[in-house]
Amino acid sequence: MSDTSLNTTEEVRGLVRAGRAAVRVGDYEAARTTFERALDLDPASQEAIDGLRDAQRRLGMSPKPTGDEQVEFCYRHPETETALHCTSCGRPICVRCTTPAAVGQLCPECRKGRRAPNYKISPGSLVKGAIVGLVVSTVVAGLIGFFGGAIGFFLFFILFAIAPAAAEMIVRSVDWATGNKRGRPMQITVAVAMILGGLIAFQFTFAALPIGLFLLIGVGTAVARLR
């Protein structure tokens, strides 16, 4: 399937979701228009066909708007009339700006504000994560560097087993300090802390190979865990 077809399919699905959101809040005219746009892109979309039939049926049952009703416009697209509102902040939004929620729909700003608490990272959390990550990484890298030189040939095999477990221990320590914070800022903070911890440990052990292998495997593991 070409990129164009994939984009069209995703756009049709988005329009169907927006049309359903409009139906839920009683804006059947907006729903009808949205489903018609979806059918213009994909005339065979059964979801759009069913949605259009439902919107048309409901329009036949609903009273027509009077001339006294206030016309509102989307706050992001001032030229677009709408009867939809964000269920969180109440601002008028058009079907292009809606994100379906458990009840009603959200505007783009409110959707961003509803991120999971562990992805809302304060500077204090980053500082705690950096300090704990640095301390634990330095100790772990120091132990690996100290004992790594005596292992010899089996170093590679042992590190492939130990490094992920050591990285998991570092992540759990950071979780304890930050309250299980996640996200790109925390990923970067812990990765930098681990690298600095490895460099500090190298100053005492001079074991570049085992520490380097630990960082190569461990940093990737920690970053993946903090996603």
C-alpha atoms as a PDB file:
ATOM      1  CA  MET A   1       0.000   0.000   0.000  1.00  0.00           C
ATOM      2  CA  SER A   2       1.374   3.419  -0.984  1.00  0.00           C
ATOM      3  CA  ASP A   3       2.012   6.251   1.449  1.00  0.00           C
ATOM      4  CA  THR A   4      -0.812   8.205  -0.211  1.00  0.00           C
ATOM      5  CA  SER A   5      -3.291   5.380   0.412  1.00  0.00           C
ATOM      6  CA  LEU A   6      -2.172   5.074   4.027  1.00  0.00           C
ATOM      7  CA  ASN A   7      -2.568   8.811   4.573  1.00  0.00           C
ATOM      8  CA  THR A   8      -6.023   8.741   2.975  1.00  0.00           C
ATOM      9  CA  THR A   9      -7.096   5.813   5.156  1.00  0.00           C
ATOM     10  CA  GLU A  10      -5.913   7.571   8.316  1.00  0.00           C
ATOM     11  CA  GLU A  11      -7.658  10.789   7.287  1.00  0.00           C
ATOM     12  CA  VAL A  12     -10.911   8.917   6.670  1.00  0.00           C
ATOM     13  CA  ARG A  13     -10.665   7.256  10.086  1.00  0.00           C
ATOM     14  CA  GLY A  14     -10.042  10.622  11.700  1.00  0.00           C
ATOM     15  CA  LEU A  15     -13.067  12.127   9.962  1.00  0.00           C
ATOM     16  CA  VAL A  16     -15.237   9.192  11.054  1.00  0.00           C
ATOM     17  CA  ARG A  17     -14.122   9.676  14.665  1.00  0.00           C
ATOM     18  CA  ALA A  18     -14.830  13.401  14.436  1.00  0.00           C
ATOM     19  CA  GLY A  19     -18.249  12.725  12.922  1.00  0.00           C
ATOM     20  CA  ARG A  20     -19.118  10.373  15.753  1.00  0.00           C
ATOM     21  CA  ALA A  21     -17.973  12.985  18.263  1.00  0.00           C
ATOM     22  CA  ALA A  22     -20.275  15.526  16.624  1.00  0.00           C
ATOM     23  CA  VAL A  23     -23.182  13.068  16.863  1.00  0.00           C
ATOM     24  CA  ARG A  24     -22.514  12.516  20.566  1.00  0.00           C
ATOM     25  CA  VAL A  25     -22.866  16.240  21.306  1.00  0.00           C
ATOM     26  CA  GLY A  26     -25.907  16.638  19.071  1.00  0.00           C
ATOM     27  CA  ASP A  27     -24.301  18.608  16.222  1.00  0.00           C
ATOM     28  CA  TYR A  28     -25.799  16.449  13.499  1.00  0.00           C
ATOM     29  CA  GLU A  29     -25.212  18.961  10.711  1.00  0.00           C
ATOM     30  CA  ALA A  30     -21.477  19.012  11.453  1.00  0.00           C
ATOM     31  CA  ALA A  31     -21.552  15.215  11.638  1.00  0.00           C
ATOM     32  CA  ARG A  32     -23.248  14.981   8.246  1.00  0.00           C
ATOM     33  CA  THR A  33     -20.678  17.306   6.665  1.00  0.00           C
ATOM     34  CA  THR A  34     -17.803  15.373   8.212  1.00  0.00           C
ATOM     35  CA  PHE A  35     -19.074  11.982   7.045  1.00  0.00           C
ATOM     36  CA  GLU A  36     -19.590  13.407   3.549  1.00  0.00           C
ATOM     37  CA  ARG A  37     -15.961  14.564   3.523  1.00  0.00           C
ATOM     38  CA  ALA A  38     -14.900  11.063   4.524  1.00  0.00           C
ATOM     39  CA  LEU A  39     -16.932   9.557   1.677  1.00  0.00           C
ATOM     40  CA  ASP A  40     -15.383  11.987  -0.788  1.00  0.00           C
ATOM     41  CA  LEU A  41     -12.021  10.459   0.120  1.00  0.00           C
ATOM     42  CA  ASP A  42     -13.247   6.850   0.331  1.00  0.00           C
ATOM     43  CA  PRO A  43     -16.710   6.218  -1.155  1.00  0.00           C
ATOM     44  CA  ALA A  44     -16.532   2.577   0.007  1.00  0.00           C
ATOM     45  CA  SER A  45     -16.024   3.339   3.703  1.00  0.00           C
ATOM     46  CA  GLN A  46     -18.859   1.487   5.437  1.00  0.00           C
ATOM     47  CA  GLU A  47     -18.248   3.373   8.702  1.00  0.00           C
ATOM     48  CA  ALA A  48     -18.681   6.703   6.916  1.00  0.00           C
ATOM     49  CA  ILE A  49     -21.775   5.435   5.087  1.00  0.00           C
ATOM     50  CA  ASP A  50     -23.386   4.251   8.315  1.00  0.00           C
ATOM     51  CA  GLY A  51     -22.423   7.470  10.093  1.00  0.00           C
ATOM     52  CA  LEU A  52     -23.913   9.615   7.331  1.00  0.00           C
ATOM     53  CA  ARG A  53     -27.167   7.654   7.413  1.00  0.00           C
ATOM     54  CA  ASP A  54     -27.356   8.057  11.183  1.00  0.00           C
ATOM     55  CA  ALA A  55     -26.662  11.802  10.986  1.00  0.00           C
ATOM     56  CA  GLN A  56     -29.262  12.270   8.244  1.00  0.00           C
ATOM     57  CA  ARG A  57     -31.813  10.297  10.256  1.00  0.00           C
ATOM     58  CA  ARG A  58     -31.145  12.382  13.342  1.00  0.00           C
ATOM     59  CA  LEU A  59     -31.393  15.606  11.343  1.00  0.00           C
ATOM     60  CA  GLY A  60     -34.887  14.570  10.341  1.00  0.00           C
ATOM     61  CA  MET A  61     -35.782  14.221  14.038  1.00  0.00           C
ATOM     62  CA  SER A  62     -34.053  17.332  15.338  1.00  0.00           C
ATOM     63  CA  PRO A  63     -35.508  20.839  15.284  1.00  0.00           C
ATOM     64  CA  LYS A  64     -33.951  23.232  12.815  1.00  0.00           C
ATOM     65  CA  PRO A  65     -31.872  26.028  14.332  1.00  0.00           C
ATOM     66  CA  THR A  66     -33.553  29.411  14.603  1.00  0.00           C
ATOM     67  CA  GLY A  67     -32.082  32.670  13.411  1.00  0.00           C
ATOM     68  CA  ASP A  68     -31.708  33.847  16.999  1.00  0.00           C
ATOM     69  CA  GLU A  69     -29.035  31.269  17.813  1.00  0.00           C
ATOM     70  CA  GLN A  70     -25.539  32.657  18.221  1.00  0.00           C
ATOM     71  CA  VAL A  71     -23.072  31.551  15.566  1.00  0.00           C
ATOM     72  CA  GLU A  72     -19.713  30.450  16.996  1.00  0.00           C
ATOM     73  CA  PHE A  73     -16.383  29.911  15.295  1.00  0.00           C
ATOM     74  CA  CYS A  74     -13.516  27.568  16.058  1.00  0.00           C
ATOM     75  CA  TYR A  75     -10.907  29.363  18.168  1.00  0.00           C
ATOM     76  CA  ARG A  76      -8.131  27.786  16.070  1.00  0.00           C
ATOM     77  CA  HIS A  77      -9.838  28.287  12.707  1.00  0.00           C
ATOM     78  CA  PRO A  78     -11.766  31.581  13.003  1.00  0.00           C
ATOM     79  CA  GLU A  79     -13.331  31.147   9.552  1.00  0.00           C
ATOM     80  CA  THR A  80     -15.010  27.833  10.461  1.00  0.00           C
ATOM     81  CA  GLU A  81     -18.456  27.828  12.070  1.00  0.00           C
ATOM     82  CA  THR A  82     -19.046  25.171  14.695  1.00  0.00           C
ATOM     83  CA  ALA A  83     -21.426  24.017  17.387  1.00  0.00           C
ATOM     84  CA  LEU A  84     -18.838  21.775  19.053  1.00  0.00           C
ATOM     85  CA  HIS A  85     -17.156  22.712  22.318  1.00  0.00           C
ATOM     86  CA  CYS A  86     -14.252  21.261  24.253  1.00  0.00           C
ATOM     87  CA  THR A  87     -15.748  19.342  27.172  1.00  0.00           C
ATOM     88  CA  SER A  88     -12.849  20.434  29.383  1.00  0.00           C
ATOM     89  CA  CYS A  89     -12.434  24.178  28.770  1.00  0.00           C
ATOM     90  CA  GLY A  90     -15.646  24.936  26.855  1.00  0.00           C
ATOM     91  CA  ARG A  91     -13.996  26.694  23.909  1.00  0.00           C
ATOM     92  CA  PRO A  92     -15.640  26.252  20.475  1.00  0.00           C
ATOM     93  CA  ILE A  93     -13.733  23.859  18.208  1.00  0.00           C
ATOM     94  CA  CYS A  94     -14.316  22.524  14.709  1.00  0.00           C
ATOM     95  CA  VAL A  95     -14.186  18.864  13.713  1.00  0.00           C
ATOM     96  CA  ARG A  96     -10.553  19.216  12.592  1.00  0.00           C
ATOM     97  CA  CYS A  97      -9.484  20.150  16.123  1.00  0.00           C
ATOM     98  CA  THR A  98     -11.429  17.561  18.098  1.00  0.00           C
ATOM     99  CA  THR A  99      -9.899  14.604  19.887  1.00  0.00           C
ATOM    100  CA  PRO A 100     -12.508  12.086  21.106  1.00  0.00           C
ATOM    101  CA  ALA A 101     -12.496  11.680  24.882  1.00  0.00           C
ATOM    102  CA  ALA A 102     -14.310   9.377  27.287  1.00  0.00           C
ATOM    103  CA  VAL A 103     -17.043  12.019  27.381  1.00  0.00           C
ATOM    104  CA  GLY A 104     -17.336  14.419  24.448  1.00  0.00           C
ATOM    105  CA  GLN A 105     -14.184  15.771  22.823  1.00  0.00           C
ATOM    106  CA  LEU A 106     -11.090  17.779  23.729  1.00  0.00           C
ATOM    107  CA  CYS A 107      -9.294  20.685  22.092  1.00  0.00           C
ATOM    108  CA  PRO A 108      -5.566  20.254  21.290  1.00  0.00           C
ATOM    109  CA  GLU A 109      -4.430  22.164  24.403  1.00  0.00           C
ATOM    110  CA  CYS A 110      -6.589  20.178  26.822  1.00  0.00           C
ATOM    111  CA  ARG A 111      -5.533  16.928  25.170  1.00  0.00           C
ATOM    112  CA  LYS A 112      -1.888  17.773  25.901  1.00  0.00           C
ATOM    113  CA  GLY A 113      -2.758  18.731  29.466  1.00  0.00           C
ATOM    114  CA  ARG A 114      -4.244  15.296  30.148  1.00  0.00           C
ATOM    115  CA  ARG A 115      -0.970  13.419  29.913  1.00  0.00           C
ATOM    116  CA  ALA A 116      -0.324  10.763  32.529  1.00  0.00           C
ATOM    117  CA  PRO A 117       1.132  12.216  35.770  1.00  0.00           C
ATOM    118  CA  ASN A 118       4.391  10.297  35.427  1.00  0.00           C
ATOM    119  CA  TYR A 119       5.082  12.124  32.145  1.00  0.00           C
ATOM    120  CA  LYS A 120       4.759  15.542  33.801  1.00  0.00           C
ATOM    121  CA  ILE A 121       8.355  16.150  34.824  1.00  0.00           C
ATOM    122  CA  SER A 122       9.464  19.041  37.035  1.00  0.00           C
ATOM    123  CA  PRO A 123      13.035  20.400  37.217  1.00  0.00           C
ATOM    124  CA  GLY A 124      13.253  18.928  40.719  1.00  0.00           C
ATOM    125  CA  SER A 125      12.521  15.452  39.370  1.00  0.00           C
ATOM    126  CA  LEU A 126      15.277  15.833  36.788  1.00  0.00           C
ATOM    127  CA  VAL A 127      17.754  16.904  39.471  1.00  0.00           C
ATOM    128  CA  LYS A 128      16.835  13.925  41.671  1.00  0.00           C
ATOM    129  CA  GLY A 129      17.087  11.561  38.729  1.00  0.00           C
ATOM    130  CA  ALA A 130      20.469  12.975  37.738  1.00  0.00           C
ATOM    131  CA  ILE A 131      21.941  12.701  41.244  1.00  0.00           C
ATOM    132  CA  VAL A 132      20.670   9.191  41.947  1.00  0.00           C
ATOM    133  CA  GLY A 133      21.532   7.997  38.451  1.00  0.00           C
ATOM    134  CA  LEU A 134      25.051   9.396  38.731  1.00  0.00           C
ATOM    135  CA  VAL A 135      25.740   7.873  42.154  1.00  0.00           C
ATOM    136  CA  VAL A 136      24.365   4.423  41.358  1.00  0.00           C
ATOM    137  CA  SER A 137      25.971   4.368  37.904  1.00  0.00           C
ATOM    138  CA  THR A 138      29.362   5.278  39.356  1.00  0.00           C
ATOM    139  CA  VAL A 139      29.172   2.456  41.901  1.00  0.00           C
ATOM    140  CA  VAL A 140      27.943  -0.097  39.363  1.00  0.00           C
ATOM    141  CA  ALA A 141      30.485   0.913  36.716  1.00  0.00           C
ATOM    142  CA  GLY A 142      33.245   0.868  39.350  1.00  0.00           C
ATOM    143  CA  LEU A 143      32.384  -2.685  40.386  1.00  0.00           C
ATOM    144  CA  ILE A 144      32.203  -3.824  36.777  1.00  0.00           C
ATOM    145  CA  GLY A 145      35.525  -2.170  36.019  1.00  0.00           C
ATOM    146  CA  PHE A 146      37.190  -3.618  39.112  1.00  0.00           C
ATOM    147  CA  PHE A 147      36.087  -7.202  38.524  1.00  0.00           C
ATOM    148  CA  GLY A 148      35.982  -7.024  34.738  1.00  0.00           C
ATOM    149  CA  GLY A 149      39.736  -7.147  34.314  1.00  0.00           C
ATOM    150  CA  ALA A 150      39.956 -10.477  36.130  1.00  0.00           C
ATOM    151  CA  ILE A 151      37.302 -12.189  34.042  1.00  0.00           C
ATOM    152  CA  GLY A 152      39.215 -12.196  30.774  1.00  0.00           C
ATOM    153  CA  PHE A 153      37.713 -13.904  27.733  1.00  0.00           C
ATOM    154  CA  PHE A 154      34.318 -14.485  29.329  1.00  0.00           C
ATOM    155  CA  LEU A 155      33.888 -10.737  29.946  1.00  0.00           C
ATOM    156  CA  PHE A 156      31.708 -10.223  26.853  1.00  0.00           C
ATOM    157  CA  PHE A 157      29.308 -13.054  27.698  1.00  0.00           C
ATOM    158  CA  ILE A 158      28.983 -12.063  31.334  1.00  0.00           C
ATOM    159  CA  LEU A 159      28.425  -8.375  30.567  1.00  0.00           C
ATOM    160  CA  PHE A 160      25.630  -9.175  28.134  1.00  0.00           C
ATOM    161  CA  ALA A 161      23.845 -10.774  31.085  1.00  0.00           C
ATOM    162  CA  ILE A 162      24.896  -8.336  33.806  1.00  0.00           C
ATOM    163  CA  ALA A 163      24.596  -4.975  32.005  1.00  0.00           C
ATOM    164  CA  PRO A 164      20.796  -5.080  31.460  1.00  0.00           C
ATOM    165  CA  ALA A 165      20.257  -6.143  35.081  1.00  0.00           C
ATOM    166  CA  ALA A 166      22.550  -3.357  36.304  1.00  0.00           C
ATOM    167  CA  ALA A 167      20.708  -0.830  34.126  1.00  0.00           C
ATOM    168  CA  GLU A 168      17.409  -2.074  35.547  1.00  0.00           C
ATOM    169  CA  MET A 169      18.749  -1.469  39.057  1.00  0.00           C
ATOM    170  CA  ILE A 170      19.732   2.080  38.092  1.00  0.00           C
ATOM    171  CA  VAL A 171      16.269   2.727  36.621  1.00  0.00           C
ATOM    172  CA  ARG A 172      14.562   1.392  39.746  1.00  0.00           C
ATOM    173  CA  SER A 173      16.717   3.673  41.895  1.00  0.00           C
ATOM    174  CA  VAL A 174      15.759   6.649  39.738  1.00  0.00           C
ATOM    175  CA  ASP A 175      12.090   5.591  39.902  1.00  0.00           C
ATOM    176  CA  TRP A 176      12.306   5.562  43.688  1.00  0.00           C
ATOM    177  CA  ALA A 177      13.751   9.086  43.708  1.00  0.00           C
ATOM    178  CA  THR A 178      11.451  10.630  41.099  1.00  0.00           C
ATOM    179  CA  GLY A 179       8.167   8.785  41.615  1.00  0.00           C
ATOM    180  CA  ASN A 180       8.345   6.718  38.408  1.00  0.00           C
ATOM    181  CA  LYS A 181       8.767   9.658  36.057  1.00  0.00           C
ATOM    182  CA  ARG A 182       9.020   8.862  32.353  1.00  0.00           C
ATOM    183  CA  GLY A 183       9.562  10.684  29.078  1.00  0.00           C
ATOM    184  CA  ARG A 184      12.339  12.069  26.891  1.00  0.00           C
ATOM    185  CA  PRO A 185      13.741  14.565  29.473  1.00  0.00           C
ATOM    186  CA  MET A 186      14.170  11.737  31.983  1.00  0.00           C
ATOM    187  CA  GLN A 187      15.687   9.480  29.337  1.00  0.00           C
ATOM    188  CA  ILE A 188      18.308  12.084  28.456  1.00  0.00           C
ATOM    189  CA  THR A 189      19.034  12.890  32.108  1.00  0.00           C
ATOM    190  CA  VAL A 190      19.618   9.279  33.133  1.00  0.00           C
ATOM    191  CA  ALA A 191      21.644   8.490  30.004  1.00  0.00           C
ATOM    192  CA  VAL A 192      23.979  11.428  30.659  1.00  0.00           C
ATOM    193  CA  ALA A 193      24.222  10.490  34.354  1.00  0.00           C
ATOM    194  CA  MET A 194      25.197   6.928  33.453  1.00  0.00           C
ATOM    195  CA  ILE A 195      27.875   8.085  31.025  1.00  0.00           C
ATOM    196  CA  LEU A 196      29.315  10.500  33.585  1.00  0.00           C
ATOM    197  CA  GLY A 197      29.213   7.742  36.207  1.00  0.00           C
ATOM    198  CA  GLY A 198      31.166   5.484  33.878  1.00  0.00           C
ATOM    199  CA  LEU A 199      33.775   8.190  33.277  1.00  0.00           C
ATOM    200  CA  ILE A 200      34.180   8.752  37.018  1.00  0.00           C
ATOM    201  CA  ALA A 201      34.578   5.012  37.617  1.00  0.00           C
ATOM    202  CA  PHE A 202      37.197   4.845  34.867  1.00  0.00           C
ATOM    203  CA  GLN A 203      39.358   7.354  36.751  1.00  0.00           C
ATOM    204  CA  PHE A 204      39.719   4.802  39.571  1.00  0.00           C
ATOM    205  CA  THR A 205      39.818   1.490  37.695  1.00  0.00           C
ATOM    206  CA  PHE A 206      41.204   2.369  34.233  1.00  0.00           C
ATOM    207  CA  ALA A 207      39.114  -0.516  32.912  1.00  0.00           C
ATOM    208  CA  ALA A 208      37.940   1.057  29.679  1.00  0.00           C
ATOM    209  CA  LEU A 209      36.679  -2.110  27.980  1.00  0.00           C
ATOM    210  CA  PRO A 210      34.307  -3.486  30.644  1.00  0.00           C
ATOM    211  CA  ILE A 211      32.988  -0.028  31.538  1.00  0.00           C
ATOM    212  CA  GLY A 212      32.536   0.857  27.869  1.00  0.00           C
ATOM    213  CA  LEU A 213      30.625  -2.357  27.203  1.00  0.00           C
ATOM    214  CA  PHE A 214      28.470  -1.769  30.256  1.00  0.00           C
ATOM    215  CA  LEU A 215      27.577   1.730  29.072  1.00  0.00           C
ATOM    216  CA  LEU A 216      26.914   0.545  25.522  1.00  0.00           C
ATOM    217  CA  ILE A 217      24.390  -2.031  26.703  1.00  0.00           C
ATOM    218  CA  GLY A 218      23.169  -0.387  29.895  1.00  0.00           C
ATOM    219  CA  VAL A 219      22.367   3.074  28.534  1.00  0.00           C
ATOM    220  CA  GLY A 220      20.217   1.593  25.774  1.00  0.00           C
ATOM    221  CA  THR A 221      18.375  -0.567  28.287  1.00  0.00           C
ATOM    222  CA  ALA A 222      17.740   2.341  30.664  1.00  0.00           C
ATOM    223  CA  VAL A 223      16.525   4.648  27.888  1.00  0.00           C
ATOM    224  CA  ALA A 224      14.100   1.979  26.665  1.00  0.00           C
ATOM    225  CA  ARG A 225      12.757   1.452  30.203  1.00  0.00           C
ATOM    226  CA  LEU A 226      12.179   5.182  30.720  1.00  0.00           C
ATOM    227  CA  ARG A 227      10.207   5.649  27.498  1.00  0.00           C
END
